[in-house]
Amino acid sequence: MESLNPFQTFIALIKFDQEAITTHKKAEKLRQSIDQENQKKSLLLKSLENAKESLKICQKEVQSKELKMKELAEQEAERKKLLDETSSKKEHNAIKREIDSLKRNQHNYEKELVEGWNKFDNAKKEYESIQNDLDTKISEIDKIIKISNKELEETATLIEQYKKDRVDKEKDIPDEWLQKYNVMHLQVSDPVVPLTGQSCSACFQELTRQGFSDINRNKMMQCKGCFRLLYVE
């Protein structure tokens, strides 16, 4: 098998790095996907917790109103008993007014109690609806996370292999090219680009006639516009 010249080896390294970048991007996308699914899971669990808390609050409100209704009924019964026992017309009228007031209060609390029960029923339906769907939704999320984690492990293995293989890919490449390439690689995703006609395909800086002649002889030079390394395909 014919060995590659330094220029061909350098281009092979560039393509190799581009594949590695694609794999890194895939890994990042997978991590973001896992984070998003975990956030969905947390929101679902939080919604169930909130619905449960709302149900408890509604239940306490109903119990409080029922207790108040019971107290008013007991007070009315006491006043009625006292009404039957009194012989004074003045006391009779006073007690009767108290009983009427208690009845009005009971009527008002009865309305509030009905509203409270309606709120409780709605809160219960909401809680049960979330609870019934929760297991299915959590199971779907866990399945997605499991698949993504498996793919992430595979990409991590690939990335480690890229790191090991890259050392061999750098061999026989002039140090000057590697230094410029590595510096530019930190600044842009495409530090080495081909010419389009007589111009840089990244920034469209046109080469001088001498520059175009030089690049065709040396196969590699730096763009004066964006400082990327240029080559002729």
Foldseek 3Di string as FASTA:
>chain_A
DDDDAQLVLVVVLLVLVLVLVVLVVLLVVLVVLLVVLVVVLVVLVVQLVVLVVQLVVLVVQLVVLVVVLVVLVVVLVVLVVVLVVDPDPVSNVVSVVVNVVSVVVNVVSVVVNVVSVVSNVVSVVSNVVSVVCSVVSNVVSVVSSVVSVVSSVVSVVVSVVSVVVSVVSCPNHDPVVVVLQVVVVVVDVNLEAEDDPQAGPPPRHGDDPVRSVVCVVVQWDADPPPRRIYGHD
